[in-house]
Protein backbone atom coordinates (compact mmCIF):
# COMPACT_ATOMS: atom_id res chain seq x y z
CA MET A 1 308.53 192.29 262.35
CA LEU A 2 305.58 190.07 262.01
CA VAL A 3 302.38 189.70 264.05
CA LEU A 4 301.00 186.19 264.37
CA LYS A 5 297.62 185.43 265.81
CA PHE A 6 296.57 181.91 266.87
CA GLY A 7 292.95 181.00 267.56
CA GLY A 8 291.58 178.78 270.31
CA THR A 9 291.97 175.53 268.45
CA SER A 10 295.55 176.35 267.79
CA VAL A 11 296.28 176.60 271.53
CA GLY A 12 293.67 174.10 272.60
CA SER A 13 295.95 171.18 273.47
CA VAL A 14 299.60 170.50 274.37
CA GLU A 15 299.98 169.00 270.90
CA ASN A 16 298.75 172.03 269.18
CA MET A 17 300.79 174.47 271.45
CA THR A 18 303.77 172.50 270.30
CA ARG A 19 302.81 173.06 266.80
CA VAL A 20 302.49 176.82 267.40
CA LYS A 21 305.88 176.85 269.18
CA ASN A 22 307.54 175.31 266.23
CA ILE A 23 305.82 177.77 263.82
CA ILE A 24 307.03 180.85 265.67
CA ILE A 25 310.56 179.86 266.60
CA ASP A 26 312.55 180.91 263.50
CA GLY A 27 315.09 183.35 264.96
CA GLU A 28 313.04 186.50 263.99
CA LYS A 29 311.24 188.95 266.40
CA LYS A 30 307.46 188.73 266.37
CA VAL A 31 304.33 189.54 268.31
CA VAL A 32 302.29 186.62 269.02
CA VAL A 33 298.46 187.10 269.74
CA LEU A 34 296.59 184.31 271.44
CA SER A 35 292.93 183.67 271.99
CA ALA A 36 291.69 181.61 274.92
CA MET A 37 292.07 177.83 274.76
CA SER A 38 289.16 176.35 272.84
CA GLY A 39 286.05 175.92 274.90
CA THR A 40 287.19 178.26 277.63
CA THR A 41 285.35 181.40 276.55
CA ASN A 42 282.10 179.47 276.09
CA ALA A 43 282.57 178.02 279.60
CA LEU A 44 283.14 181.56 281.02
CA VAL A 45 280.08 183.02 279.20
CA THR A 46 278.06 180.12 280.64
CA ILE A 47 279.40 180.95 284.18
CA SER A 48 278.43 184.62 283.72
CA GLU A 49 274.97 183.57 282.62
CA CYS A 50 274.61 181.46 285.69
CA ILE A 51 275.48 184.45 287.87
CA LYS A 52 273.12 186.67 285.88
CA ASN A 53 270.26 184.16 286.43
CA GLY A 54 271.03 183.77 290.14
CA GLU A 55 272.25 180.22 289.68
CA LEU A 56 275.25 180.69 292.01
CA GLU A 57 275.78 177.06 292.88
CA GLN A 58 275.69 176.03 289.23
CA ALA A 59 278.28 178.96 288.57
CA VAL A 60 280.60 177.53 291.29
CA LEU A 61 280.38 173.88 289.88
CA LYS A 62 281.29 175.28 286.47
CA ILE A 63 284.24 177.29 287.86
CA GLU A 64 285.48 174.09 289.58
CA ALA A 65 285.15 172.02 286.46
CA LEU A 66 287.06 174.63 284.37
CA HIS A 67 289.74 174.85 287.11
CA ASP A 68 290.22 171.04 286.90
CA THR A 69 290.78 171.35 283.18
CA TYR A 70 293.54 173.91 283.78
CA LYS A 71 295.16 171.96 286.50
CA LYS A 72 295.50 169.06 284.02
CA THR A 73 296.81 171.52 281.24
CA VAL A 74 299.56 172.68 283.55
CA SER A 75 300.63 169.14 284.46
CA ASN A 76 300.77 168.08 280.75
CA LEU A 77 302.33 171.41 279.44
CA ILE A 78 304.90 172.32 281.89
CA SER A 79 307.71 169.89 283.18
CA ASN A 80 310.17 172.23 284.89
CA PRO A 81 309.20 171.97 288.56
CA PHE A 82 309.85 175.67 289.41
CA LEU A 83 307.57 176.72 286.47
CA VAL A 84 304.99 174.19 287.42
CA ILE A 85 304.77 175.95 290.92
CA GLU A 86 304.46 179.38 289.22
CA ALA A 87 301.83 178.16 286.68
CA LYS A 88 299.82 176.42 289.32
CA ALA A 89 299.93 179.57 291.55
CA TYR A 90 298.70 181.70 288.58
CA VAL A 91 295.87 179.34 287.63
CA ASN A 92 294.75 179.12 291.30
CA THR A 93 294.80 182.94 291.52
CA ILE A 94 292.59 183.35 288.51
CA PHE A 95 290.10 180.77 289.64
CA LEU A 96 290.02 182.27 293.18
CA GLY A 97 289.20 185.57 291.47
CA LEU A 98 286.33 183.86 289.48
CA ARG A 99 284.95 182.52 292.70
CA VAL A 100 284.95 185.95 294.30
CA LEU A 101 283.25 187.30 291.16
CA SER A 102 280.52 184.66 291.39
CA ASN A 103 279.32 186.40 294.58
CA THR A 104 279.18 189.77 293.00
CA SER A 105 275.95 191.36 291.58
CA TYR A 106 275.75 190.84 287.84
CA SER A 107 276.53 193.68 285.39
CA VAL A 108 278.17 194.12 281.95
CA LEU A 109 281.42 194.99 283.63
CA LEU A 110 281.34 191.75 285.64
CA HIS A 111 280.63 189.81 282.44
CA ASN A 112 283.53 191.31 280.70
CA LYS A 113 285.90 190.70 283.64
CA ILE A 114 284.79 187.05 283.66
CA VAL A 115 285.38 186.36 279.89
CA ALA A 116 288.69 188.14 279.95
CA GLN A 117 290.16 185.37 282.11
CA GLY A 118 290.56 182.94 279.29
CA GLU A 119 293.08 184.95 277.33
CA LEU A 120 295.05 185.76 280.40
CA LEU A 121 295.27 181.97 281.20
CA SER A 122 296.32 180.94 277.69
CA THR A 123 299.02 183.67 277.27
CA PHE A 124 300.65 183.06 280.71
CA LEU A 125 300.67 179.18 280.26
CA PHE A 126 302.05 179.42 276.62
CA SER A 127 304.71 181.99 277.92
CA GLN A 128 305.83 179.41 280.58
CA PHE A 129 305.84 176.75 277.86
CA LEU A 130 308.37 178.79 275.79
CA PHE A 131 310.39 179.82 278.78
CA GLN A 132 310.86 176.28 279.76
CA ASP A 133 312.71 175.85 276.45
CA LYS A 134 314.89 178.82 277.24
CA ILE A 135 313.30 180.99 274.45
CA LYS A 136 313.49 184.68 275.03
CA VAL A 137 309.85 185.52 275.63
CA ALA A 138 308.11 188.55 277.05
CA LEU A 139 304.50 188.69 278.16
CA LEU A 140 302.84 191.95 277.20
CA PRO A 141 299.54 192.56 279.05
CA ALA A 142 297.07 193.85 276.49
CA LEU A 143 295.30 195.73 279.17
CA ASP A 144 298.41 197.95 279.50
CA PHE A 145 298.16 199.20 275.82
CA MET A 146 294.90 197.98 274.11
CA LYS A 147 292.04 200.55 274.49
CA THR A 148 289.04 201.79 272.72
CA ASP A 149 287.66 205.26 272.59
CA LYS A 150 284.13 206.51 273.31
CA ASN A 151 282.91 205.24 269.94
CA ASN A 152 284.35 201.79 270.72
CA ASP A 153 286.97 202.18 268.03
CA PRO A 154 290.58 201.50 268.64
CA ASP A 155 292.28 204.46 270.42
CA ASP A 156 295.11 204.42 267.93
CA LEU A 157 297.36 207.00 269.51
CA TYR A 158 297.07 205.60 272.98
CA ILE A 159 297.77 202.06 271.62
CA LYS A 160 300.85 203.12 269.60
CA GLN A 161 302.53 205.15 272.30
CA ASN A 162 301.89 202.56 275.04
CA LEU A 163 302.79 199.51 272.97
CA ASN A 164 306.06 200.95 271.75
CA LYS A 165 307.02 202.04 275.25
CA ILE A 166 306.46 198.42 276.54
CA LEU A 167 308.44 196.94 273.67
CA ASP A 168 311.27 199.27 274.38
CA GLU A 169 311.42 198.02 277.91
CA VAL A 170 311.71 194.43 276.88
CA SER A 171 313.68 194.78 273.68
CA ASP A 172 315.90 191.85 274.37
CA ALA A 173 313.11 189.47 273.86
CA ASP A 174 312.61 187.49 270.67
CA ILE A 175 308.81 186.66 271.10
CA TYR A 176 306.31 188.91 272.52
CA ILE A 177 303.21 187.19 273.73
CA THR A 178 299.96 189.15 274.28
CA GLN A 179 296.20 188.58 274.60
CA GLY A 180 293.68 188.94 271.83
CA PHE A 181 290.11 190.05 272.29
CA ILE A 182 290.50 191.88 275.67
CA CYS A 183 290.90 195.59 276.08
CA LEU A 184 290.06 198.59 278.15
CA ASP A 185 287.24 200.78 277.24
CA ALA A 186 287.23 204.71 277.23
CA GLU A 187 286.56 204.84 281.07
CA GLY A 188 289.45 202.30 281.70
CA ASN A 189 287.07 199.35 282.51
CA ILE A 190 287.78 195.84 281.16
CA SER A 191 286.06 195.27 277.93
CA ASN A 192 286.56 193.39 274.74
CA LEU A 193 286.43 193.43 270.89
CA GLN A 194 283.62 190.93 270.69
CA ARG A 195 283.73 187.25 269.74
CA GLY A 196 286.43 186.62 267.14
CA GLY A 197 288.14 189.85 268.16
CA SER A 198 291.62 188.40 268.47
CA ASP A 199 291.95 188.80 264.74
CA TYR A 200 291.12 192.48 265.13
CA THR A 201 293.66 192.71 267.93
CA ALA A 202 296.38 191.38 265.67
CA THR A 203 295.83 193.88 262.87
CA ILE A 204 295.47 196.84 265.44
CA ILE A 205 298.87 195.82 266.70
CA GLY A 206 300.17 195.36 263.22
CA ALA A 207 299.17 198.87 262.29
CA ALA A 208 300.49 200.44 265.41
CA LEU A 209 303.95 198.79 264.88
CA GLU A 210 303.79 199.16 260.98
CA VAL A 211 304.78 195.43 260.61
CA ASP A 212 305.64 193.62 257.38
CA GLU A 213 302.71 191.23 257.71
CA VAL A 214 299.94 190.07 259.96
CA GLN A 215 299.31 186.32 259.94
CA ILE A 216 296.05 184.78 261.29
CA TRP A 217 296.46 181.08 262.15
CA THR A 218 293.41 178.99 262.50
CA ASP A 219 292.38 175.39 261.75
CA ILE A 220 291.52 175.82 258.12
CA ASP A 221 293.50 176.72 254.99
CA GLY A 222 292.26 180.44 254.60
CA PHE A 223 289.17 181.70 253.04
CA HIS A 224 287.27 178.99 251.13
CA ASN A 225 285.12 179.68 248.11
CA ASN A 226 282.02 178.53 250.02
CA ASP A 227 281.15 177.37 253.49
CA PRO A 228 282.79 173.99 254.22
CA ARG A 229 280.36 173.19 256.95
CA PHE A 230 277.49 172.97 254.57
CA VAL A 231 279.04 172.48 251.09
CA ASP A 232 281.35 169.72 249.81
CA ASN A 233 284.47 170.13 247.70
CA THR A 234 285.18 173.71 248.65
CA ARG A 235 288.71 175.03 248.09
CA ALA A 236 290.82 177.63 249.64
CA ILE A 237 291.40 181.02 247.78
CA SER A 238 294.99 181.99 247.29
CA ASN A 239 294.53 185.71 246.89
CA LEU A 240 291.90 188.32 247.83
CA SER A 241 291.77 192.13 247.91
CA PHE A 242 290.99 193.97 251.16
CA ASP A 243 287.63 194.73 249.71
CA GLU A 244 286.78 191.07 248.86
CA ALA A 245 287.97 189.93 252.28
CA ALA A 246 285.97 192.65 254.21
CA GLU A 247 282.78 191.62 252.36
CA LEU A 248 283.20 187.98 252.96
CA ALA A 249 283.97 188.47 256.66
CA TYR A 250 281.15 190.73 257.31
CA PHE A 251 278.57 188.44 255.45
CA GLY A 252 279.41 185.27 257.43
CA ALA A 253 282.77 183.85 256.52
CA LYS A 254 283.70 182.60 260.02
CA VAL A 255 287.46 182.47 259.31
CA LEU A 256 288.02 186.19 259.96
CA HIS A 257 286.51 188.85 262.19
CA PRO A 258 284.60 191.38 260.17
CA GLN A 259 286.73 194.40 261.17
CA THR A 260 290.15 192.70 260.81
CA VAL A 261 291.31 194.25 257.55
CA MET A 262 290.30 197.81 258.58
CA PRO A 263 293.43 198.91 260.57
CA VAL A 264 296.00 197.64 258.01
CA ARG A 265 294.46 198.44 254.61
CA ALA A 266 295.42 202.15 254.57
CA LEU A 267 298.98 201.05 255.30
CA ASN A 268 298.94 198.30 252.74
CA ILE A 269 300.08 195.69 255.48
CA PRO A 270 299.31 192.27 254.00
CA VAL A 271 297.18 189.81 256.05
CA ARG A 272 297.88 186.20 255.49
CA LEU A 273 295.48 183.35 256.71
CA LYS A 274 297.26 180.12 257.57
CA ASN A 275 296.39 176.75 258.94
CA THR A 276 298.25 175.67 262.23
CA MET A 277 297.55 172.02 261.46
CA SER A 278 298.95 172.27 257.89
CA PRO A 279 301.49 175.14 257.98
CA GLU A 280 302.97 174.17 254.49
CA ALA A 281 299.67 175.16 252.90
CA PHE A 282 299.70 178.48 251.17
CA GLY A 283 296.40 179.74 252.78
CA THR A 284 294.99 183.13 251.63
CA LEU A 285 297.01 186.33 251.07
CA ILE A 286 294.99 189.57 251.49
CA THR A 287 296.46 192.71 249.87
CA HIS A 288 295.40 195.80 248.02
CA HIS A 289 295.91 193.83 244.71
CA THR A 290 292.95 192.35 242.79
CA HIS A 291 293.34 189.03 241.02
CA GLY A 292 290.92 188.32 238.08
CA GLU A 293 287.24 189.08 237.92
CA GLY A 294 283.91 187.27 238.57
CA ILE A 295 282.61 185.41 241.57
CA LYS A 296 285.43 184.13 243.82
CA ALA A 297 283.48 183.11 246.93
CA ILE A 298 280.17 182.76 248.57
CA ALA A 299 279.19 183.17 252.20
CA ALA A 300 276.05 183.26 254.29
CA LYS A 301 275.00 185.24 257.34
CA GLU A 302 272.12 184.02 259.58
CA GLY A 303 270.11 185.76 262.25
CA ILE A 304 268.76 188.37 259.72
CA THR A 305 265.37 190.15 260.19
CA ALA A 306 263.70 191.76 257.14
CA ILE A 307 261.45 194.83 257.64
CA LYS A 308 259.15 196.16 254.96
CA ILE A 309 257.93 199.76 255.40
CA LYS A 310 255.17 200.65 253.12
CA SER A 311 253.46 203.97 252.82
CA ALA A 312 251.59 205.97 250.14
CA ARG A 313 253.28 209.08 251.67
CA MET A 314 256.56 207.77 250.37
CA LEU A 315 255.62 208.47 246.69
CA GLN A 316 257.48 211.57 245.62
CA ALA A 317 257.98 212.36 249.26
CA HIS A 318 261.72 213.54 249.59
CA GLY A 319 261.65 213.23 253.43
CA PHE A 320 260.24 209.86 253.99
CA LEU A 321 263.47 207.79 253.72
CA LYS A 322 265.29 210.24 256.04
CA LYS A 323 262.62 209.59 258.69
CA VAL A 324 263.01 205.75 258.28
CA PHE A 325 266.74 205.88 258.64
CA GLU A 326 266.58 208.26 261.62
CA VAL A 327 264.68 205.65 263.56
CA PHE A 328 267.51 203.14 263.15
CA GLU A 329 270.10 205.81 263.91
CA THR A 330 268.19 206.71 267.12
CA PHE A 331 268.38 202.96 268.26
CA GLU A 332 271.94 202.51 266.99
CA THR A 333 270.94 199.60 264.78
CA ALA A 334 272.96 199.01 261.52
CA ILE A 335 271.22 198.17 258.31
CA ASP A 336 272.68 195.51 255.99
CA MET A 337 270.47 195.42 252.76
CA VAL A 338 268.08 198.09 251.28
CA THR A 339 265.77 198.00 248.34
CA THR A 340 263.09 200.55 247.42
CA SER A 341 260.03 200.85 245.26
CA GLU A 342 257.59 203.69 244.71
CA ILE A 343 255.85 203.32 248.02
CA ALA A 344 257.85 200.83 250.07
CA VAL A 345 261.47 200.19 251.31
CA SER A 346 262.67 196.88 252.46
CA LEU A 347 265.71 196.51 254.63
CA THR A 348 267.47 194.05 256.81
CA ILE A 349 269.22 194.18 260.27
CA ASP A 350 271.29 191.59 262.08
CA ASP A 351 270.76 192.91 265.56
CA ASP A 352 267.18 192.58 266.82
CA THR A 353 267.86 194.04 270.29
CA HIS A 354 265.73 197.07 269.66
CA LEU A 355 263.41 195.57 267.08
CA GLU A 356 260.20 196.15 269.11
CA VAL A 357 260.75 199.83 269.63
CA ILE A 358 261.95 200.36 266.11
CA VAL A 359 258.78 198.77 264.69
CA ALA A 360 256.63 200.85 267.14
CA ALA A 361 258.39 204.01 265.82
CA LEU A 362 258.11 203.03 262.20
CA LYS A 363 254.36 202.30 262.55
CA LYS A 364 253.81 205.91 263.35
CA ILE A 365 254.76 206.73 259.62
CA ALA A 366 253.99 203.63 257.67
CA HIS A 367 252.64 200.09 257.62
CA VAL A 368 255.35 197.62 258.73
CA GLU A 369 255.94 193.96 258.14
CA VAL A 370 258.64 191.91 259.84
CA ASP A 371 260.09 188.61 258.62
CA ASP A 372 262.56 186.79 260.79
CA PHE A 373 264.64 183.56 260.40
CA MET A 374 266.22 185.03 257.22
CA SER A 375 269.75 184.60 255.83
CA ILE A 376 271.88 186.78 253.54
CA VAL A 377 273.74 184.82 250.94
CA CYS A 378 276.51 186.92 249.59
CA LEU A 379 278.61 186.43 246.28
CA VAL A 380 281.86 188.28 246.29
CA GLY A 381 284.44 188.95 243.65
CA ASN A 382 286.21 191.77 241.79
CA ASN A 383 283.83 193.52 239.47
CA ILE A 384 281.31 190.75 239.55
CA ILE A 385 278.31 193.06 238.63
CA TYR A 386 280.02 193.77 235.32
CA HIS A 387 281.05 190.15 234.60
CA PRO A 388 279.11 188.98 231.47
CA ASP A 389 278.19 185.66 233.03
CA THR A 390 277.00 186.87 236.38
CA PRO A 391 273.35 187.49 235.41
CA GLN A 392 273.03 183.79 234.44
CA LEU A 393 273.40 182.75 238.06
CA PHE A 394 269.88 183.95 238.85
CA GLN A 395 268.43 181.08 236.62
CA ILE A 396 269.42 178.51 239.18
CA LEU A 397 267.32 180.09 241.99
CA GLN A 398 264.01 179.31 240.34
CA ASP A 399 263.28 176.80 243.31
CA VAL A 400 264.40 179.20 246.02
CA HIS A 401 262.27 182.08 247.33
CA VAL A 402 264.43 185.11 247.10
CA ARG A 403 262.98 187.86 249.35
CA MET A 404 265.44 190.65 248.37
CA ILE A 405 268.36 191.18 245.99
CA ALA A 406 271.08 193.94 246.47
CA TYR A 407 272.85 194.31 243.11
CA GLY A 408 274.95 197.28 242.22
CA GLY A 409 275.52 198.84 245.67
CA SER A 410 279.01 197.49 245.40
CA ASN A 411 281.11 196.24 242.38
CA ASN A 412 282.32 193.37 244.48
CA ASN A 413 279.12 191.96 246.08
CA ILE A 414 275.70 190.63 245.17
CA SER A 415 273.47 189.78 248.19
CA LEU A 416 270.49 187.53 248.25
CA LEU A 417 268.00 187.36 251.10
CA VAL A 418 266.48 183.91 251.55
CA ASN A 419 264.70 182.00 254.35
CA THR A 420 267.20 180.40 256.67
CA SER A 421 265.51 177.09 255.87
CA ASP A 422 266.66 177.52 252.23
CA LYS A 423 270.19 178.70 253.01
CA GLN A 424 272.05 175.39 252.70
CA GLU A 425 270.39 174.49 249.47
CA THR A 426 271.02 177.92 247.98
CA LEU A 427 274.76 177.51 248.94
CA ARG A 428 274.86 174.13 247.24
CA LYS A 429 273.13 175.25 244.05
CA LEU A 430 275.46 178.23 243.71
CA GLN A 431 278.41 176.04 244.37
CA ARG A 432 277.53 173.52 241.66
CA TYR A 433 276.65 176.34 239.27
CA VAL A 434 279.51 178.77 239.84
CA PHE A 435 282.37 176.56 240.68
CA GLU A 436 281.75 173.04 239.40
CA ASN A 437 279.68 173.42 236.19
CA THR A 438 282.16 174.99 233.80
CA ASP A 439 279.54 175.12 230.99
CA HIS A 440 277.99 177.94 232.76
CA LEU A 441 279.84 180.69 234.82
CA VAL A 442 283.51 180.71 233.72
CA LEU A 443 285.52 183.30 235.58
CA SER A 444 288.32 185.45 234.20
């Protein structure tokens, strides 16, 4: 069995849904994980924000506008008159529920309920679309089996037991459709796996069912060797290891959710990235195998805050770093990069929710400097820190102010901290030097 995930663009129009249908109908059983139709989650988040801000009239107007969009989608997607009636009734029920929620006091639970509606809509309509063509399809409600534990990690045993039970009940189906992104939390409330979490859903399901392969279908030919939004002449990478893919996803490569490979890597279940608009393209295959050495790809992550903690007490003081890291643990804030000197430690975070209280706590033990609007530029590849040509790349950064360098913490990653205003030029310089100028850095 395979698990195939399709993103919002892939189900964002009747034309693209037809592409998806043609991809999945090959006579073999598979689980198909769908995101919300493109634009829907953003619209639902905006509705939630209007409710939060007390802009109830604006929330209702946006609900009506989105409802109109789905009425048109039903008309364009479904032709069978009986299925049209069912689809319109379902859509009307969803939007009636949104109107009721708009008159409810705002909470995180309310927000999660609102944003969950996008995946419920896309999966129901796509199931009707397949059923119309007499395809044996079963809709598997993700909220019946997808659950996280008290640490917000997948509740693997619960998922495996409930998913297999549900599949046994509809074993005659060829295609199983389910929602990405949404889940229940440990208390049984509607929650989600954060933006982009449909990728994560797919590999969680893949691990639970121990499938042959998980495929992530988007609108790009897999991982590229640089960010195509900012750099010209990038190319898709045919093969990556789990470690390389995880580094790229974490440090900004938007094609994959950062946690995607975690559920399947221990089981050696391959993950393949494919392009819905160009299904014949090879894409990127992610396995436990490594292919070659040297820099394979470059990614960048924005929204980084750098914190420099300086204290004479750090000199030969074995407990100082422990106190520093305990502050971040107390406020549940992850650290990306760390560098140290005799009397100072510099580090970065990508979540500034608790920045004010973190800085206040740190000032009790040291002098603190904060720099925001920073970006991490990450170079990834197998054993790049040992590649003989890698040190030469720093020569090209003479015109870029590099705030920090993380080199040696991982064999597969070198990270540079730069001002966000320098990010695009840094990516372009590295692209020319690493991938276009063969007189310089030649990869094995």
